[in-house]
Amino acid sequence: MPPDTGLIAALDAARPSFERCALDSELPETAFHTLSLRIITANRRASEVHWGQPFIGPTADRLLTCMRTIVRVALRPRRVHTRASATFYYVPLRDLDYPMQPPPSPPTRVMSAAEATALTQRLAAVASDAERVALIAAQEEARVAVPVDAVASLLETFHEPDLAAGGALCRVVSGSRALARITRGLPAPDARRLRALTRGRCGVSVE
């Protein structure tokens, strides 16, 4: 029997906590893209949480303990209505992305103020935020860094600046103030997640 949509929504809302478990495990992001949990509910609470498939490693037990705690908190009866008895599988981090992994290609130069203005205009002209993220990512391929003073203007072109926008900027913005400038333009939850997922390492330096 499939789980109630409310259960999945409650687990999805705990995404930042699952991300902290992943970070503490020090495993690569790809290890989590198919990593599933087998969740059993009984007496209207999560009674058992196991790996959905065999997972062996030096941090496996600690990681499962961390994720089990999150599941049980997320599915507490006072938070969400849980069917009396159900068994289902859940992949908490199928699209986990550490923004600074692999390390970005070092830029060969920082774009001029005129070039930054032109980039801002190009971002403003496209229809979707996904296209804006792609245009920012193209700067890494060109190995041209974005000046930190341009960050606010670039983020203002987004309909909904989010973790994806912040992560893309971390890979191309020049200087030690990159993270502070980028998170200033993001909603607080996305700013917190960006700080965590980058471990505070954000921005690039010209070779």
C-alpha atoms as a PDB file:
ATOM      1  CA  MET A   1       0.000   0.000   0.000  1.00  0.00           C
ATOM      2  CA  PRO A   2       1.490   3.404  -0.927  1.00  0.00           C
ATOM      3  CA  PRO A   3       2.142   5.841   1.912  1.00  0.00           C
ATOM      4  CA  ASP A   4      -0.170   8.740   2.647  1.00  0.00           C
ATOM      5  CA  THR A   5       0.914  11.866   0.805  1.00  0.00           C
ATOM      6  CA  GLY A   6       1.090  13.573   4.185  1.00  0.00           C
ATOM      7  CA  LEU A   7       3.891  11.238   5.254  1.00  0.00           C
ATOM      8  CA  ILE A   8       5.971  12.031   2.189  1.00  0.00           C
ATOM      9  CA  ALA A   9       5.323  15.763   2.593  1.00  0.00           C
ATOM     10  CA  ALA A  10       6.457  15.598   6.230  1.00  0.00           C
ATOM     11  CA  LEU A  11       9.649  13.779   5.260  1.00  0.00           C
ATOM     12  CA  ASP A  12      10.315  16.167   2.374  1.00  0.00           C
ATOM     13  CA  ALA A  13      10.017  19.077   4.814  1.00  0.00           C
ATOM     14  CA  ALA A  14      12.847  17.532   6.851  1.00  0.00           C
ATOM     15  CA  ARG A  15      15.237  17.786   3.873  1.00  0.00           C
ATOM     16  CA  PRO A  16      17.717  20.169   5.605  1.00  0.00           C
ATOM     17  CA  SER A  17      18.057  17.700   8.488  1.00  0.00           C
ATOM     18  CA  PHE A  18      18.725  14.802   6.113  1.00  0.00           C
ATOM     19  CA  GLU A  19      21.359  16.975   4.423  1.00  0.00           C
ATOM     20  CA  ARG A  20      23.108  17.467   7.767  1.00  0.00           C
ATOM     21  CA  CYS A  21      23.261  13.681   8.192  1.00  0.00           C
ATOM     22  CA  ALA A  22      24.846  13.400   4.754  1.00  0.00           C
ATOM     23  CA  LEU A  23      27.408  16.095   5.498  1.00  0.00           C
ATOM     24  CA  ASP A  24      28.385  14.469   8.791  1.00  0.00           C
ATOM     25  CA  SER A  25      28.886  11.129   7.026  1.00  0.00           C
ATOM     26  CA  GLU A  26      31.518  12.679   4.707  1.00  0.00           C
ATOM     27  CA  LEU A  27      30.299  10.410   1.898  1.00  0.00           C
ATOM     28  CA  PRO A  28      30.187  11.733  -1.684  1.00  0.00           C
ATOM     29  CA  GLU A  29      26.890  13.204  -2.849  1.00  0.00           C
ATOM     30  CA  THR A  30      26.386  10.391  -5.372  1.00  0.00           C
ATOM     31  CA  ALA A  31      26.161   7.862  -2.530  1.00  0.00           C
ATOM     32  CA  PHE A  32      22.793   9.355  -1.604  1.00  0.00           C
ATOM     33  CA  HIS A  33      21.113   9.575  -4.993  1.00  0.00           C
ATOM     34  CA  THR A  34      19.686   6.046  -4.734  1.00  0.00           C
ATOM     35  CA  LEU A  35      20.021   5.470  -0.989  1.00  0.00           C
ATOM     36  CA  SER A  36      16.583   4.520   0.330  1.00  0.00           C
ATOM     37  CA  LEU A  37      15.027   4.006   3.735  1.00  0.00           C
ATOM     38  CA  ARG A  38      12.490   1.276   4.539  1.00  0.00           C
ATOM     39  CA  ILE A  39      10.023   2.834   6.943  1.00  0.00           C
ATOM     40  CA  ILE A  40       7.482   0.839   8.933  1.00  0.00           C
ATOM     41  CA  THR A  41       4.705   2.609  10.803  1.00  0.00           C
ATOM     42  CA  ALA A  42       2.726   1.040  13.634  1.00  0.00           C
ATOM     43  CA  ASN A  43       0.460   2.507  16.286  1.00  0.00           C
ATOM     44  CA  ARG A  44       0.424   5.725  14.247  1.00  0.00           C
ATOM     45  CA  ARG A  45       4.157   6.369  14.514  1.00  0.00           C
ATOM     46  CA  ALA A  46       7.349   5.350  12.719  1.00  0.00           C
ATOM     47  CA  SER A  47       8.270   2.172  14.571  1.00  0.00           C
ATOM     48  CA  GLU A  48      11.151   0.928  12.409  1.00  0.00           C
ATOM     49  CA  VAL A  49      13.571   2.547   9.963  1.00  0.00           C
ATOM     50  CA  HIS A  50      16.065   0.426   8.025  1.00  0.00           C
ATOM     51  CA  TRP A  51      18.150   0.736   4.884  1.00  0.00           C
ATOM     52  CA  GLY A  52      16.052   0.002   1.820  1.00  0.00           C
ATOM     53  CA  GLN A  53      18.961  -1.960   0.356  1.00  0.00           C
ATOM     54  CA  PRO A  54      22.262  -3.193   1.809  1.00  0.00           C
ATOM     55  CA  PHE A  55      24.569  -0.315   2.645  1.00  0.00           C
ATOM     56  CA  ILE A  56      27.973  -1.029   4.121  1.00  0.00           C
ATOM     57  CA  GLY A  57      30.631   1.447   5.135  1.00  0.00           C
ATOM     58  CA  PRO A  58      32.484   2.867   8.132  1.00  0.00           C
ATOM     59  CA  THR A  59      29.775   5.482   8.693  1.00  0.00           C
ATOM     60  CA  ALA A  60      26.722   3.361   7.774  1.00  0.00           C
ATOM     61  CA  ASP A  61      25.503   2.756  11.327  1.00  0.00           C
ATOM     62  CA  ARG A  62      25.953   6.371  12.373  1.00  0.00           C
ATOM     63  CA  LEU A  63      24.240   7.607   9.227  1.00  0.00           C
ATOM     64  CA  LEU A  64      21.253   5.313   9.732  1.00  0.00           C
ATOM     65  CA  THR A  65      20.934   6.422  13.358  1.00  0.00           C
ATOM     66  CA  CYS A  66      20.913  10.051  12.246  1.00  0.00           C
ATOM     67  CA  MET A  67      18.289   9.477   9.551  1.00  0.00           C
ATOM     68  CA  ARG A  68      16.165   7.257  11.801  1.00  0.00           C
ATOM     69  CA  THR A  69      15.941  10.064  14.348  1.00  0.00           C
ATOM     70  CA  ILE A  70      14.815  12.528  11.675  1.00  0.00           C
ATOM     71  CA  VAL A  71      12.131  10.160  10.374  1.00  0.00           C
ATOM     72  CA  ARG A  72      10.732   9.547  13.842  1.00  0.00           C
ATOM     73  CA  VAL A  73      10.623  13.248  14.648  1.00  0.00           C
ATOM     74  CA  ALA A  74       9.072  14.137  11.283  1.00  0.00           C
ATOM     75  CA  LEU A  75       6.353  11.485  11.650  1.00  0.00           C
ATOM     76  CA  ARG A  76       5.389  12.118  15.249  1.00  0.00           C
ATOM     77  CA  PRO A  77       1.611  11.718  15.651  1.00  0.00           C
ATOM     78  CA  ARG A  78       1.141  15.307  16.739  1.00  0.00           C
ATOM     79  CA  ARG A  79       2.808  16.499  13.525  1.00  0.00           C
ATOM     80  CA  VAL A  80       1.204  14.271  10.904  1.00  0.00           C
ATOM     81  CA  HIS A  81      -1.560  11.683  10.728  1.00  0.00           C
ATOM     82  CA  THR A  82       0.110   8.306  10.267  1.00  0.00           C
ATOM     83  CA  ARG A  83      -1.778   5.270   9.016  1.00  0.00           C
ATOM     84  CA  ALA A  84      -1.969   2.640  11.750  1.00  0.00           C
ATOM     85  CA  SER A  85       0.254   0.254   9.801  1.00  0.00           C
ATOM     86  CA  ALA A  86       2.238   0.769   6.607  1.00  0.00           C
ATOM     87  CA  THR A  87       5.586  -0.104   5.050  1.00  0.00           C
ATOM     88  CA  PHE A  88       7.120   2.100   2.380  1.00  0.00           C
ATOM     89  CA  TYR A  89      10.425   3.161   0.866  1.00  0.00           C
ATOM     90  CA  TYR A  90      11.725   6.710   0.792  1.00  0.00           C
ATOM     91  CA  VAL A  91      14.792   8.224  -0.909  1.00  0.00           C
ATOM     92  CA  PRO A  92      15.502  11.398   1.090  1.00  0.00           C
ATOM     93  CA  LEU A  93      18.350  12.848  -0.997  1.00  0.00           C
ATOM     94  CA  ARG A  94      17.891  11.642  -4.578  1.00  0.00           C
ATOM     95  CA  ASP A  95      19.113  14.990  -5.962  1.00  0.00           C
ATOM     96  CA  LEU A  96      21.689  15.918  -3.310  1.00  0.00           C
ATOM     97  CA  ASP A  97      24.189  18.414  -4.691  1.00  0.00           C
ATOM     98  CA  TYR A  98      27.223  19.841  -2.939  1.00  0.00           C
ATOM     99  CA  PRO A  99      27.623  23.157  -4.800  1.00  0.00           C
ATOM    100  CA  MET A 100      31.413  23.258  -4.588  1.00  0.00           C
ATOM    101  CA  GLN A 101      31.984  19.622  -5.586  1.00  0.00           C
ATOM    102  CA  PRO A 102      33.811  18.893  -7.736  1.00  0.00           C
ATOM    103  CA  PRO A 103      35.928  22.009  -7.172  1.00  0.00           C
ATOM    104  CA  PRO A 104      35.213  24.704  -9.763  1.00  0.00           C
ATOM    105  CA  SER A 105      37.678  25.403 -12.527  1.00  0.00           C
ATOM    106  CA  PRO A 106      39.859  28.347 -11.480  1.00  0.00           C
ATOM    107  CA  PRO A 107      39.118  31.477 -13.525  1.00  0.00           C
ATOM    108  CA  THR A 108      41.774  33.188 -15.583  1.00  0.00           C
ATOM    109  CA  ARG A 109      40.348  36.661 -15.022  1.00  0.00           C
ATOM    110  CA  VAL A 110      37.553  38.665 -13.385  1.00  0.00           C
ATOM    111  CA  MET A 111      35.033  40.234 -15.748  1.00  0.00           C
ATOM    112  CA  SER A 112      34.892  44.013 -16.008  1.00  0.00           C
ATOM    113  CA  ALA A 113      32.057  46.129 -14.640  1.00  0.00           C
ATOM    114  CA  ALA A 114      30.711  46.515 -18.175  1.00  0.00           C
ATOM    115  CA  GLU A 115      30.736  42.757 -18.687  1.00  0.00           C
ATOM    116  CA  ALA A 116      28.958  42.254 -15.360  1.00  0.00           C
ATOM    117  CA  THR A 117      26.273  44.718 -16.420  1.00  0.00           C
ATOM    118  CA  ALA A 118      25.867  42.877 -19.722  1.00  0.00           C
ATOM    119  CA  LEU A 119      25.520  39.558 -17.881  1.00  0.00           C
ATOM    120  CA  THR A 120      22.854  41.052 -15.623  1.00  0.00           C
ATOM    121  CA  GLN A 121      20.953  42.221 -18.686  1.00  0.00           C
ATOM    122  CA  ARG A 122      21.167  38.763 -20.269  1.00  0.00           C
ATOM    123  CA  LEU A 123      19.822  37.160 -17.107  1.00  0.00           C
ATOM    124  CA  ALA A 124      16.961  39.642 -16.958  1.00  0.00           C
ATOM    125  CA  ALA A 125      16.043  38.893 -20.573  1.00  0.00           C
ATOM    126  CA  VAL A 126      15.503  35.134 -20.221  1.00  0.00           C
ATOM    127  CA  ALA A 127      12.216  33.621 -19.124  1.00  0.00           C
ATOM    128  CA  SER A 128      13.091  31.172 -16.362  1.00  0.00           C
ATOM    129  CA  ASP A 129      15.318  30.946 -13.326  1.00  0.00           C
ATOM    130  CA  ALA A 130      16.714  27.665 -14.667  1.00  0.00           C
ATOM    131  CA  GLU A 131      18.004  29.538 -17.716  1.00  0.00           C
ATOM    132  CA  ARG A 132      19.563  32.138 -15.427  1.00  0.00           C
ATOM    133  CA  VAL A 133      21.388  29.427 -13.488  1.00  0.00           C
ATOM    134  CA  ALA A 134      22.672  28.003 -16.789  1.00  0.00           C
ATOM    135  CA  LEU A 135      23.980  31.410 -17.888  1.00  0.00           C
ATOM    136  CA  ILE A 136      25.830  31.795 -14.595  1.00  0.00           C
ATOM    137  CA  ALA A 137      27.284  28.284 -14.917  1.00  0.00           C
ATOM    138  CA  ALA A 138      28.547  29.195 -18.386  1.00  0.00           C
ATOM    139  CA  GLN A 139      30.915  31.690 -16.772  1.00  0.00           C
ATOM    140  CA  GLU A 140      32.734  28.812 -15.106  1.00  0.00           C
ATOM    141  CA  GLU A 141      33.181  27.095 -18.469  1.00  0.00           C
ATOM    142  CA  ALA A 142      34.545  30.366 -19.884  1.00  0.00           C
ATOM    143  CA  ARG A 143      36.794  30.647 -16.804  1.00  0.00           C
ATOM    144  CA  VAL A 144      35.678  34.217 -16.211  1.00  0.00           C
ATOM    145  CA  ALA A 145      34.909  35.149 -12.599  1.00  0.00           C
ATOM    146  CA  VAL A 146      32.062  37.425 -11.561  1.00  0.00           C
ATOM    147  CA  PRO A 147      32.992  40.419  -9.363  1.00  0.00           C
ATOM    148  CA  VAL A 148      31.480  40.198  -5.901  1.00  0.00           C
ATOM    149  CA  ASP A 149      29.895  43.640  -6.257  1.00  0.00           C
ATOM    150  CA  ALA A 150      27.693  42.289  -9.066  1.00  0.00           C
ATOM    151  CA  VAL A 151      26.046  39.592  -6.936  1.00  0.00           C
ATOM    152  CA  ALA A 152      23.087  41.639  -5.698  1.00  0.00           C
ATOM    153  CA  SER A 153      22.145  42.777  -9.206  1.00  0.00           C
ATOM    154  CA  LEU A 154      22.407  39.255 -10.584  1.00  0.00           C
ATOM    155  CA  LEU A 155      20.187  37.791  -7.863  1.00  0.00           C
ATOM    156  CA  GLU A 156      17.601  40.518  -8.404  1.00  0.00           C
ATOM    157  CA  THR A 157      16.960  39.112 -11.887  1.00  0.00           C
ATOM    158  CA  PHE A 158      15.650  35.854 -10.399  1.00  0.00           C
ATOM    159  CA  HIS A 159      11.934  35.390  -9.824  1.00  0.00           C
ATOM    160  CA  GLU A 160      12.739  33.197  -6.816  1.00  0.00           C
ATOM    161  CA  PRO A 161      16.434  33.229  -5.873  1.00  0.00           C
ATOM    162  CA  ASP A 162      17.164  29.898  -4.240  1.00  0.00           C
ATOM    163  CA  LEU A 163      19.791  27.303  -3.377  1.00  0.00           C
ATOM    164  CA  ALA A 164      20.428  26.496  -7.051  1.00  0.00           C
ATOM    165  CA  ALA A 165      21.122  30.147  -7.854  1.00  0.00           C
ATOM    166  CA  GLY A 166      23.355  30.523  -4.824  1.00  0.00           C
ATOM    167  CA  GLY A 167      25.273  27.352  -5.617  1.00  0.00           C
ATOM    168  CA  ALA A 168      25.909  28.432  -9.200  1.00  0.00           C
ATOM    169  CA  LEU A 169      27.170  31.810  -8.019  1.00  0.00           C
ATOM    170  CA  CYS A 170      29.485  30.228  -5.448  1.00  0.00           C
ATOM    171  CA  ARG A 171      31.343  28.575  -8.314  1.00  0.00           C
ATOM    172  CA  VAL A 172      32.005  31.813 -10.222  1.00  0.00           C
ATOM    173  CA  VAL A 173      32.042  34.779  -7.820  1.00  0.00           C
ATOM    174  CA  SER A 174      35.483  36.135  -7.027  1.00  0.00           C
ATOM    175  CA  GLY A 175      36.785  36.775  -3.542  1.00  0.00           C
ATOM    176  CA  SER A 176      36.474  35.811   0.102  1.00  0.00           C
ATOM    177  CA  ARG A 177      33.235  37.779   0.566  1.00  0.00           C
ATOM    178  CA  ALA A 178      31.362  35.653  -1.971  1.00  0.00           C
ATOM    179  CA  LEU A 179      29.355  33.582   0.516  1.00  0.00           C
ATOM    180  CA  ALA A 180      28.272  36.581   2.587  1.00  0.00           C
ATOM    181  CA  ARG A 181      27.149  38.517  -0.486  1.00  0.00           C
ATOM    182  CA  ILE A 182      25.310  35.576  -2.022  1.00  0.00           C
ATOM    183  CA  THR A 183      23.460  34.502   1.123  1.00  0.00           C
ATOM    184  CA  ARG A 184      22.372  38.092   1.702  1.00  0.00           C
ATOM    185  CA  GLY A 185      20.227  37.832  -1.433  1.00  0.00           C
ATOM    186  CA  LEU A 186      18.662  34.438  -0.641  1.00  0.00           C
ATOM    187  CA  PRO A 187      15.680  33.505   1.542  1.00  0.00           C
ATOM    188  CA  ALA A 188      16.891  32.524   5.014  1.00  0.00           C
ATOM    189  CA  PRO A 189      16.254  28.747   4.634  1.00  0.00           C
ATOM    190  CA  ASP A 190      18.185  28.620   1.352  1.00  0.00           C
ATOM    191  CA  ALA A 191      20.985  30.734   2.813  1.00  0.00           C
ATOM    192  CA  ARG A 192      21.357  28.305   5.727  1.00  0.00           C
ATOM    193  CA  ARG A 193      21.408  25.304   3.398  1.00  0.00           C
ATOM    194  CA  LEU A 194      24.012  26.942   1.147  1.00  0.00           C
ATOM    195  CA  ARG A 195      26.299  27.634   4.103  1.00  0.00           C
ATOM    196  CA  ALA A 196      25.949  24.022   5.241  1.00  0.00           C
ATOM    197  CA  LEU A 197      26.301  22.322   1.855  1.00  0.00           C
ATOM    198  CA  THR A 198      29.390  24.356   0.956  1.00  0.00           C
ATOM    199  CA  ARG A 199      30.831  24.020   4.475  1.00  0.00           C
ATOM    200  CA  GLY A 200      31.470  27.742   4.201  1.00  0.00           C
ATOM    201  CA  ARG A 201      33.678  27.322   1.123  1.00  0.00           C
ATOM    202  CA  CYS A 202      32.279  29.538  -1.608  1.00  0.00           C
ATOM    203  CA  GLY A 203      33.884  31.702  -4.272  1.00  0.00           C
ATOM    204  CA  VAL A 204      36.877  31.439  -6.576  1.00  0.00           C
ATOM    205  CA  SER A 205      40.273  33.041  -7.031  1.00  0.00           C
ATOM    206  CA  VAL A 206      42.018  33.932 -10.262  1.00  0.00           C
ATOM    207  CA  GLU A 207      45.007  31.742 -11.023  1.00  0.00           C
END
